[in-house]
């Protein structure tokens, strides 16, 4: 069993109201046998670094003094040192742990006649991530000679958003046709949990943040740290395998 933890790079923007070019949903796929090691790794880091609270990508930003930020009294050098340890010693420490993401160009997505709201935008960004997780499970099954199954765990965003998201997910699972992905390796529906209670969601946030930063600001420093964990082809190609750009035709 593999668990794909998902989080987004920030609030999903409404039409014509985004101050950012890109919206990212990032995920971290963790085999059940590695989950305890991942959990213990993050908990151990928090104890050693005297962090009492949730890890969030935005908490590492220079000058972030959010009252909930457990690192608000730390200097930037120490914050970056913690961030580097998370990527190097936890997210990228095991080859069996993989990152998957979709980078949506907000302007191009909202130019589509079928993308009219933030619910639509979220769904379109989620779909490629769920598909790549399914493909990843299929590939693993071929390698080991038995079916590999997975579940998807998402950050709880509120009753209305969770309900809409679950409906979109179920519609994906029920679609049929020659050009529609089959989700034969996914178990049950979506699962939701508050990020402060989930090791996996906190780490997925770090994946989404690093990828978003690369595309939004052209800053690949933290992307380079997370890159070894990103799903790729046998030749090492990331685009289309571990990172999908949406919409494909007009993405810019």
C-alpha atoms as a PDB file:
ATOM      1  CA  UNK A   1       0.000   0.000   0.000  1.00  0.00           C
ATOM      2  CA  UNK A   2       1.203   3.496  -0.864  1.00  0.00           C
ATOM      3  CA  UNK A   3      -0.180   6.728   0.581  1.00  0.00           C
ATOM      4  CA  UNK A   4      -0.158   9.895  -1.510  1.00  0.00           C
ATOM      5  CA  UNK A   5      -0.294  12.943   0.752  1.00  0.00           C
ATOM      6  CA  UNK A   6      -1.431  16.119  -1.047  1.00  0.00           C
ATOM      7  CA  UNK A   7      -1.252  19.827  -0.354  1.00  0.00           C
ATOM      8  CA  UNK A   8      -1.378  23.001  -2.431  1.00  0.00           C
ATOM      9  CA  UNK A   9       0.982  25.941  -2.806  1.00  0.00           C
ATOM     10  CA  UNK A  10      -1.540  28.381  -1.361  1.00  0.00           C
ATOM     11  CA  UNK A  11      -5.228  29.298  -1.601  1.00  0.00           C
ATOM     12  CA  UNK A  12      -6.753  28.361  -4.935  1.00  0.00           C
ATOM     13  CA  UNK A  13      -7.377  31.679  -6.760  1.00  0.00           C
ATOM     14  CA  UNK A  14     -10.689  32.908  -8.109  1.00  0.00           C
ATOM     15  CA  UNK A  15     -10.935  34.150 -11.715  1.00  0.00           C
ATOM     16  CA  UNK A  16      -9.163  37.478 -12.312  1.00  0.00           C
ATOM     17  CA  UNK A  17      -8.129  37.751  -8.668  1.00  0.00           C
ATOM     18  CA  UNK A  18      -4.817  35.896  -8.520  1.00  0.00           C
ATOM     19  CA  UNK A  19      -1.645  37.774  -7.660  1.00  0.00           C
ATOM     20  CA  UNK A  20       0.386  34.746  -8.714  1.00  0.00           C
ATOM     21  CA  UNK A  21       0.957  33.189 -12.138  1.00  0.00           C
ATOM     22  CA  UNK A  22       0.900  29.579 -10.985  1.00  0.00           C
ATOM     23  CA  UNK A  23      -1.051  27.287  -8.694  1.00  0.00           C
ATOM     24  CA  UNK A  24       0.532  23.994  -7.603  1.00  0.00           C
ATOM     25  CA  UNK A  25      -0.786  20.824  -6.030  1.00  0.00           C
ATOM     26  CA  UNK A  26       2.080  18.693  -4.795  1.00  0.00           C
ATOM     27  CA  UNK A  27       2.112  15.203  -3.368  1.00  0.00           C
ATOM     28  CA  UNK A  28       4.428  12.826  -1.576  1.00  0.00           C
ATOM     29  CA  UNK A  29       3.860   9.094  -2.156  1.00  0.00           C
ATOM     30  CA  UNK A  30       5.051   7.055   0.815  1.00  0.00           C
ATOM     31  CA  UNK A  31       5.033   3.228   0.968  1.00  0.00           C
ATOM     32  CA  UNK A  32       3.325   1.956   4.107  1.00  0.00           C
ATOM     33  CA  UNK A  33       6.547   0.298   5.221  1.00  0.00           C
ATOM     34  CA  UNK A  34       8.396   3.630   5.185  1.00  0.00           C
ATOM     35  CA  UNK A  35       5.735   5.749   6.846  1.00  0.00           C
ATOM     36  CA  UNK A  36       6.960   5.192  10.416  1.00  0.00           C
ATOM     37  CA  UNK A  37      10.507   6.126   9.439  1.00  0.00           C
ATOM     38  CA  UNK A  38       9.233   9.305   7.783  1.00  0.00           C
ATOM     39  CA  UNK A  39       7.079  10.158  10.809  1.00  0.00           C
ATOM     40  CA  UNK A  40       9.918   9.487  13.243  1.00  0.00           C
ATOM     41  CA  UNK A  41      12.278  11.534  11.089  1.00  0.00           C
ATOM     42  CA  UNK A  42      10.120  14.642  11.223  1.00  0.00           C
ATOM     43  CA  UNK A  43       9.303  14.215  14.908  1.00  0.00           C
ATOM     44  CA  UNK A  44      12.989  13.738  15.710  1.00  0.00           C
ATOM     45  CA  UNK A  45      13.908  16.864  13.757  1.00  0.00           C
ATOM     46  CA  UNK A  46      11.324  18.870  15.680  1.00  0.00           C
ATOM     47  CA  UNK A  47      12.658  17.643  19.007  1.00  0.00           C
ATOM     48  CA  UNK A  48      16.296  18.342  18.123  1.00  0.00           C
ATOM     49  CA  UNK A  49      15.512  21.745  16.632  1.00  0.00           C
ATOM     50  CA  UNK A  50      13.080  22.638  19.423  1.00  0.00           C
ATOM     51  CA  UNK A  51      10.162  23.139  17.059  1.00  0.00           C
ATOM     52  CA  UNK A  52       6.764  22.860  18.721  1.00  0.00           C
ATOM     53  CA  UNK A  53       4.154  23.134  16.030  1.00  0.00           C
ATOM     54  CA  UNK A  54       3.400  22.611  12.377  1.00  0.00           C
ATOM     55  CA  UNK A  55       5.900  22.754   9.534  1.00  0.00           C
ATOM     56  CA  UNK A  56       4.682  24.931   6.649  1.00  0.00           C
ATOM     57  CA  UNK A  57       6.520  26.153   3.567  1.00  0.00           C
ATOM     58  CA  UNK A  58       5.537  29.776   4.184  1.00  0.00           C
ATOM     59  CA  UNK A  59       6.947  29.688   7.724  1.00  0.00           C
ATOM     60  CA  UNK A  60      10.467  29.515   6.256  1.00  0.00           C
ATOM     61  CA  UNK A  61      10.074  32.799   4.371  1.00  0.00           C
ATOM     62  CA  UNK A  62      12.372  35.641   5.471  1.00  0.00           C
ATOM     63  CA  UNK A  63      10.699  37.739   8.114  1.00  0.00           C
ATOM     64  CA  UNK A  64       7.685  35.482   8.590  1.00  0.00           C
ATOM     65  CA  UNK A  65       6.463  36.247  12.108  1.00  0.00           C
ATOM     66  CA  UNK A  66       3.105  34.492  11.988  1.00  0.00           C
ATOM     67  CA  UNK A  67       1.966  33.850  15.559  1.00  0.00           C
ATOM     68  CA  UNK A  68       1.603  30.146  14.705  1.00  0.00           C
ATOM     69  CA  UNK A  69       5.083  29.895  13.222  1.00  0.00           C
ATOM     70  CA  UNK A  70       7.192  27.762  15.593  1.00  0.00           C
ATOM     71  CA  UNK A  71      10.337  29.225  13.966  1.00  0.00           C
ATOM     72  CA  UNK A  72       9.407  32.898  14.294  1.00  0.00           C
ATOM     73  CA  UNK A  73      12.282  33.556  16.730  1.00  0.00           C
ATOM     74  CA  UNK A  74      14.873  31.884  14.504  1.00  0.00           C
ATOM     75  CA  UNK A  75      17.182  33.624  12.070  1.00  0.00           C
ATOM     76  CA  UNK A  76      17.077  32.871   8.350  1.00  0.00           C
ATOM     77  CA  UNK A  77      20.219  30.737   8.415  1.00  0.00           C
ATOM     78  CA  UNK A  78      18.699  28.410  10.992  1.00  0.00           C
ATOM     79  CA  UNK A  79      15.381  28.236   9.140  1.00  0.00           C
ATOM     80  CA  UNK A  80      17.161  27.308   5.906  1.00  0.00           C
ATOM     81  CA  UNK A  81      19.214  24.689   7.709  1.00  0.00           C
ATOM     82  CA  UNK A  82      16.006  23.052   8.969  1.00  0.00           C
ATOM     83  CA  UNK A  83      14.444  23.220   5.524  1.00  0.00           C
ATOM     84  CA  UNK A  84      17.508  21.602   3.941  1.00  0.00           C
ATOM     85  CA  UNK A  85      17.403  18.788   6.504  1.00  0.00           C
ATOM     86  CA  UNK A  86      13.739  18.104   5.737  1.00  0.00           C
ATOM     87  CA  UNK A  87      14.469  17.663   2.039  1.00  0.00           C
ATOM     88  CA  UNK A  88      17.756  15.792   2.349  1.00  0.00           C
ATOM     89  CA  UNK A  89      17.192  13.547   5.354  1.00  0.00           C
ATOM     90  CA  UNK A  90      13.447  12.858   5.087  1.00  0.00           C
ATOM     91  CA  UNK A  91      11.846  13.510   1.703  1.00  0.00           C
ATOM     92  CA  UNK A  92      14.797  12.349  -0.408  1.00  0.00           C
ATOM     93  CA  UNK A  93      16.273   9.826   2.023  1.00  0.00           C
ATOM     94  CA  UNK A  94      14.433   6.835   0.529  1.00  0.00           C
ATOM     95  CA  UNK A  95      14.256   6.018  -3.191  1.00  0.00           C
ATOM     96  CA  UNK A  96      10.818   4.479  -2.679  1.00  0.00           C
ATOM     97  CA  UNK A  97       9.363   7.851  -1.660  1.00  0.00           C
ATOM     98  CA  UNK A  98       8.257   9.880  -4.684  1.00  0.00           C
ATOM     99  CA  UNK A  99       7.043  13.418  -5.285  1.00  0.00           C
ATOM    100  CA  UNK A 100       4.377  14.263  -7.879  1.00  0.00           C
ATOM    101  CA  UNK A 101       2.937  17.670  -8.783  1.00  0.00           C
ATOM    102  CA  UNK A 102       0.895  19.676 -11.243  1.00  0.00           C
ATOM    103  CA  UNK A 103       1.803  23.282 -12.067  1.00  0.00           C
ATOM    104  CA  UNK A 104      -1.185  25.181 -13.409  1.00  0.00           C
ATOM    105  CA  UNK A 105      -0.868  28.455 -15.302  1.00  0.00           C
ATOM    106  CA  UNK A 106      -3.761  30.359 -13.739  1.00  0.00           C
ATOM    107  CA  UNK A 107      -4.318  32.755 -16.632  1.00  0.00           C
ATOM    108  CA  UNK A 108      -4.332  30.012 -19.268  1.00  0.00           C
ATOM    109  CA  UNK A 109      -6.590  27.753 -17.191  1.00  0.00           C
ATOM    110  CA  UNK A 110      -9.204  30.466 -16.675  1.00  0.00           C
ATOM    111  CA  UNK A 111      -9.131  31.217 -20.413  1.00  0.00           C
ATOM    112  CA  UNK A 112     -10.643  27.767 -20.946  1.00  0.00           C
ATOM    113  CA  UNK A 113     -14.449  27.833 -21.310  1.00  0.00           C
ATOM    114  CA  UNK A 114     -14.769  24.876 -18.912  1.00  0.00           C
ATOM    115  CA  UNK A 115     -12.783  26.512 -16.094  1.00  0.00           C
ATOM    116  CA  UNK A 116     -15.070  29.085 -14.500  1.00  0.00           C
ATOM    117  CA  UNK A 117     -14.362  28.918 -10.770  1.00  0.00           C
ATOM    118  CA  UNK A 118     -11.752  28.047  -8.176  1.00  0.00           C
ATOM    119  CA  UNK A 119     -13.473  24.659  -7.780  1.00  0.00           C
ATOM    120  CA  UNK A 120     -12.859  23.973 -11.487  1.00  0.00           C
ATOM    121  CA  UNK A 121      -9.253  25.170 -11.243  1.00  0.00           C
ATOM    122  CA  UNK A 122      -8.571  22.944  -8.247  1.00  0.00           C
ATOM    123  CA  UNK A 123     -10.084  19.951 -10.008  1.00  0.00           C
ATOM    124  CA  UNK A 124      -8.080  20.487 -13.178  1.00  0.00           C
ATOM    125  CA  UNK A 125      -4.868  20.782 -11.158  1.00  0.00           C
ATOM    126  CA  UNK A 126      -5.644  17.689  -9.122  1.00  0.00           C
ATOM    127  CA  UNK A 127      -6.494  15.411 -12.055  1.00  0.00           C
ATOM    128  CA  UNK A 128      -2.929  15.065 -13.472  1.00  0.00           C
ATOM    129  CA  UNK A 129      -1.547  14.378  -9.988  1.00  0.00           C
ATOM    130  CA  UNK A 130      -4.052  11.583  -9.379  1.00  0.00           C
ATOM    131  CA  UNK A 131      -3.337  10.132 -12.828  1.00  0.00           C
ATOM    132  CA  UNK A 132       0.424  10.084 -12.261  1.00  0.00           C
ATOM    133  CA  UNK A 133      -0.103   8.365  -8.927  1.00  0.00           C
ATOM    134  CA  UNK A 134      -2.166   5.696 -10.705  1.00  0.00           C
ATOM    135  CA  UNK A 135       0.533   5.286 -13.366  1.00  0.00           C
ATOM    136  CA  UNK A 136       3.164   5.044 -10.643  1.00  0.00           C
ATOM    137  CA  UNK A 137       1.242   2.245  -8.931  1.00  0.00           C
ATOM    138  CA  UNK A 138       0.849   0.434 -12.258  1.00  0.00           C
ATOM    139  CA  UNK A 139       4.593   0.696 -12.934  1.00  0.00           C
ATOM    140  CA  UNK A 140       5.415  -0.655  -9.491  1.00  0.00           C
ATOM    141  CA  UNK A 141       3.025  -3.551 -10.020  1.00  0.00           C
ATOM    142  CA  UNK A 142       4.819  -4.538 -13.213  1.00  0.00           C
ATOM    143  CA  UNK A 143       8.186  -4.404 -11.439  1.00  0.00           C
ATOM    144  CA  UNK A 144       7.224  -6.568  -8.464  1.00  0.00           C
ATOM    145  CA  UNK A 145       4.806  -8.848 -10.284  1.00  0.00           C
ATOM    146  CA  UNK A 146       1.739  -8.105  -8.148  1.00  0.00           C
ATOM    147  CA  UNK A 147      -0.837  -5.300  -7.907  1.00  0.00           C
ATOM    148  CA  UNK A 148       0.201  -2.280  -5.878  1.00  0.00           C
ATOM    149  CA  UNK A 149      -2.572  -0.206  -4.326  1.00  0.00           C
ATOM    150  CA  UNK A 150      -2.759   3.287  -2.915  1.00  0.00           C
ATOM    151  CA  UNK A 151      -4.892   5.810  -1.086  1.00  0.00           C
ATOM    152  CA  UNK A 152      -4.898   9.606  -1.300  1.00  0.00           C
ATOM    153  CA  UNK A 153      -4.871  11.771   1.817  1.00  0.00           C
ATOM    154  CA  UNK A 154      -5.550  15.510   1.443  1.00  0.00           C
ATOM    155  CA  UNK A 155      -5.323  18.570   3.624  1.00  0.00           C
ATOM    156  CA  UNK A 156      -8.666  19.448   5.190  1.00  0.00           C
ATOM    157  CA  UNK A 157      -9.744  22.837   3.757  1.00  0.00           C
ATOM    158  CA  UNK A 158     -13.293  23.097   5.107  1.00  0.00           C
ATOM    159  CA  UNK A 159     -16.579  21.184   4.721  1.00  0.00           C
ATOM    160  CA  UNK A 160     -17.677  22.853   1.461  1.00  0.00           C
ATOM    161  CA  UNK A 161     -14.290  22.593  -0.265  1.00  0.00           C
ATOM    162  CA  UNK A 162     -13.793  19.003   0.902  1.00  0.00           C
ATOM    163  CA  UNK A 163     -17.240  17.993  -0.337  1.00  0.00           C
ATOM    164  CA  UNK A 164     -16.677  19.561  -3.773  1.00  0.00           C
ATOM    165  CA  UNK A 165     -13.249  17.993  -4.045  1.00  0.00           C
ATOM    166  CA  UNK A 166     -14.529  14.532  -3.098  1.00  0.00           C
ATOM    167  CA  UNK A 167     -17.249  14.811  -5.752  1.00  0.00           C
ATOM    168  CA  UNK A 168     -14.670  15.722  -8.404  1.00  0.00           C
ATOM    169  CA  UNK A 169     -12.555  12.750  -7.365  1.00  0.00           C
ATOM    170  CA  UNK A 170     -15.497  10.359  -7.591  1.00  0.00           C
ATOM    171  CA  UNK A 171     -16.355  11.666 -11.062  1.00  0.00           C
ATOM    172  CA  UNK A 172     -12.808  10.898 -12.204  1.00  0.00           C
ATOM    173  CA  UNK A 173     -13.043   7.350 -10.867  1.00  0.00           C
ATOM    174  CA  UNK A 174     -16.347   6.700 -12.618  1.00  0.00           C
ATOM    175  CA  UNK A 175     -15.467   8.037 -16.056  1.00  0.00           C
ATOM    176  CA  UNK A 176     -15.017   5.564 -18.897  1.00  0.00           C
ATOM    177  CA  UNK A 177     -13.665   5.839 -22.419  1.00  0.00           C
ATOM    178  CA  UNK A 178     -10.589   5.352 -24.590  1.00  0.00           C
ATOM    179  CA  UNK A 179      -8.978   8.609 -23.471  1.00  0.00           C
ATOM    180  CA  UNK A 180      -9.874   8.433 -19.779  1.00  0.00           C
ATOM    181  CA  UNK A 181      -7.546   7.112 -17.084  1.00  0.00           C
ATOM    182  CA  UNK A 182      -8.577   4.041 -15.127  1.00  0.00           C
ATOM    183  CA  UNK A 183      -8.034   4.277 -11.385  1.00  0.00           C
ATOM    184  CA  UNK A 184      -8.022   0.537 -10.736  1.00  0.00           C
ATOM    185  CA  UNK A 185      -5.242   0.774  -8.139  1.00  0.00           C
ATOM    186  CA  UNK A 186      -6.834   3.390  -5.874  1.00  0.00           C
ATOM    187  CA  UNK A 187      -8.571   2.255  -2.706  1.00  0.00           C
ATOM    188  CA  UNK A 188     -11.796   3.903  -1.483  1.00  0.00           C
ATOM    189  CA  UNK A 189     -12.392   7.635  -1.900  1.00  0.00           C
ATOM    190  CA  UNK A 190     -10.382  10.640  -0.721  1.00  0.00           C
ATOM    191  CA  UNK A 191      -9.328  10.924   2.905  1.00  0.00           C
ATOM    192  CA  UNK A 192      -8.997  14.320   4.627  1.00  0.00           C
ATOM    193  CA  UNK A 193      -6.998  15.324   7.674  1.00  0.00           C
ATOM    194  CA  UNK A 194      -5.918  18.651   9.221  1.00  0.00           C
ATOM    195  CA  UNK A 195      -2.346  19.428   8.234  1.00  0.00           C
ATOM    196  CA  UNK A 196      -1.162  20.040  11.794  1.00  0.00           C
ATOM    197  CA  UNK A 197      -2.054  16.432  12.626  1.00  0.00           C
ATOM    198  CA  UNK A 198      -0.382  14.886   9.578  1.00  0.00           C
ATOM    199  CA  UNK A 199       3.317  14.328   8.963  1.00  0.00           C
ATOM    200  CA  UNK A 200       2.612  13.519   5.325  1.00  0.00           C
ATOM    201  CA  UNK A 201       0.588  16.663   4.627  1.00  0.00           C
ATOM    202  CA  UNK A 202       3.287  18.864   6.147  1.00  0.00           C
ATOM    203  CA  UNK A 203       5.913  17.251   3.921  1.00  0.00           C
ATOM    204  CA  UNK A 204       3.652  17.511   0.856  1.00  0.00           C
ATOM    205  CA  UNK A 205       3.405  21.241   1.576  1.00  0.00           C
ATOM    206  CA  UNK A 206       7.207  21.420   1.403  1.00  0.00           C
ATOM    207  CA  UNK A 207       7.113  19.673  -1.981  1.00  0.00           C
ATOM    208  CA  UNK A 208       4.430  21.992  -3.373  1.00  0.00           C
ATOM    209  CA  UNK A 209       6.210  25.074  -2.028  1.00  0.00           C
ATOM    210  CA  UNK A 210       9.582  24.257  -3.576  1.00  0.00           C
ATOM    211  CA  UNK A 211       8.067  23.500  -6.974  1.00  0.00           C
ATOM    212  CA  UNK A 212       5.845  26.590  -6.898  1.00  0.00           C
ATOM    213  CA  UNK A 213       8.825  28.798  -6.006  1.00  0.00           C
ATOM    214  CA  UNK A 214      10.805  27.544  -8.992  1.00  0.00           C
ATOM    215  CA  UNK A 215       8.086  28.397 -11.483  1.00  0.00           C
ATOM    216  CA  UNK A 216       6.648  31.503  -9.832  1.00  0.00           C
ATOM    217  CA  UNK A 217       9.914  33.251  -8.984  1.00  0.00           C
ATOM    218  CA  UNK A 218      12.498  31.379 -11.057  1.00  0.00           C
ATOM    219  CA  UNK A 219      14.207  30.359  -7.823  1.00  0.00           C
ATOM    220  CA  UNK A 220      15.291  26.727  -8.089  1.00  0.00           C
ATOM    221  CA  UNK A 221      17.308  26.508  -4.876  1.00  0.00           C
ATOM    222  CA  UNK A 222      14.810  24.363  -2.969  1.00  0.00           C
ATOM    223  CA  UNK A 223      13.531  22.649  -6.102  1.00  0.00           C
ATOM    224  CA  UNK A 224      17.029  21.226  -6.561  1.00  0.00           C
ATOM    225  CA  UNK A 225      16.804  19.724  -3.069  1.00  0.00           C
ATOM    226  CA  UNK A 226      13.453  18.029  -3.742  1.00  0.00           C
ATOM    227  CA  UNK A 227      14.259  17.026  -7.337  1.00  0.00           C
ATOM    228  CA  UNK A 228      15.803  13.596  -6.499  1.00  0.00           C
ATOM    229  CA  UNK A 229      12.436  12.476  -5.113  1.00  0.00           C
ATOM    230  CA  UNK A 230      10.364  13.531  -8.144  1.00  0.00           C
ATOM    231  CA  UNK A 231       8.929  10.694 -10.230  1.00  0.00           C
ATOM    232  CA  UNK A 232      10.669  10.413 -13.575  1.00  0.00           C
ATOM    233  CA  UNK A 233      10.915   8.194 -16.628  1.00  0.00           C
ATOM    234  CA  UNK A 234      13.565   5.499 -16.993  1.00  0.00           C
ATOM    235  CA  UNK A 235      15.677   8.047 -18.873  1.00  0.00           C
ATOM    236  CA  UNK A 236      15.319  10.576 -16.045  1.00  0.00           C
ATOM    237  CA  UNK A 237      12.672  12.800 -17.644  1.00  0.00           C
ATOM    238  CA  UNK A 238      10.568  14.677 -15.072  1.00  0.00           C
ATOM    239  CA  UNK A 239       8.215  16.688 -17.290  1.00  0.00           C
ATOM    240  CA  UNK A 240       5.017  14.736 -17.834  1.00  0.00           C
ATOM    241  CA  UNK A 241       6.017  12.087 -15.298  1.00  0.00           C
ATOM    242  CA  UNK A 242       6.548  13.735 -11.936  1.00  0.00           C
ATOM    243  CA  UNK A 243       5.616  17.294 -12.858  1.00  0.00           C
ATOM    244  CA  UNK A 244       2.704  18.033 -15.181  1.00  0.00           C
ATOM    245  CA  UNK A 245       1.950  21.466 -16.631  1.00  0.00           C
ATOM    246  CA  UNK A 246      -1.676  22.481 -17.122  1.00  0.00           C
ATOM    247  CA  UNK A 247      -3.165  23.430 -19.500  1.00  0.00           C
ATOM    248  CA  UNK A 248      -0.744  21.741 -21.846  1.00  0.00           C
ATOM    249  CA  UNK A 249      -1.558  23.748 -24.962  1.00  0.00           C
ATOM    250  CA  UNK A 250      -1.417  27.339 -23.658  1.00  0.00           C
ATOM    251  CA  UNK A 251       0.770  26.944 -20.577  1.00  0.00           C
ATOM    252  CA  UNK A 252       3.245  29.796 -20.300  1.00  0.00           C
END
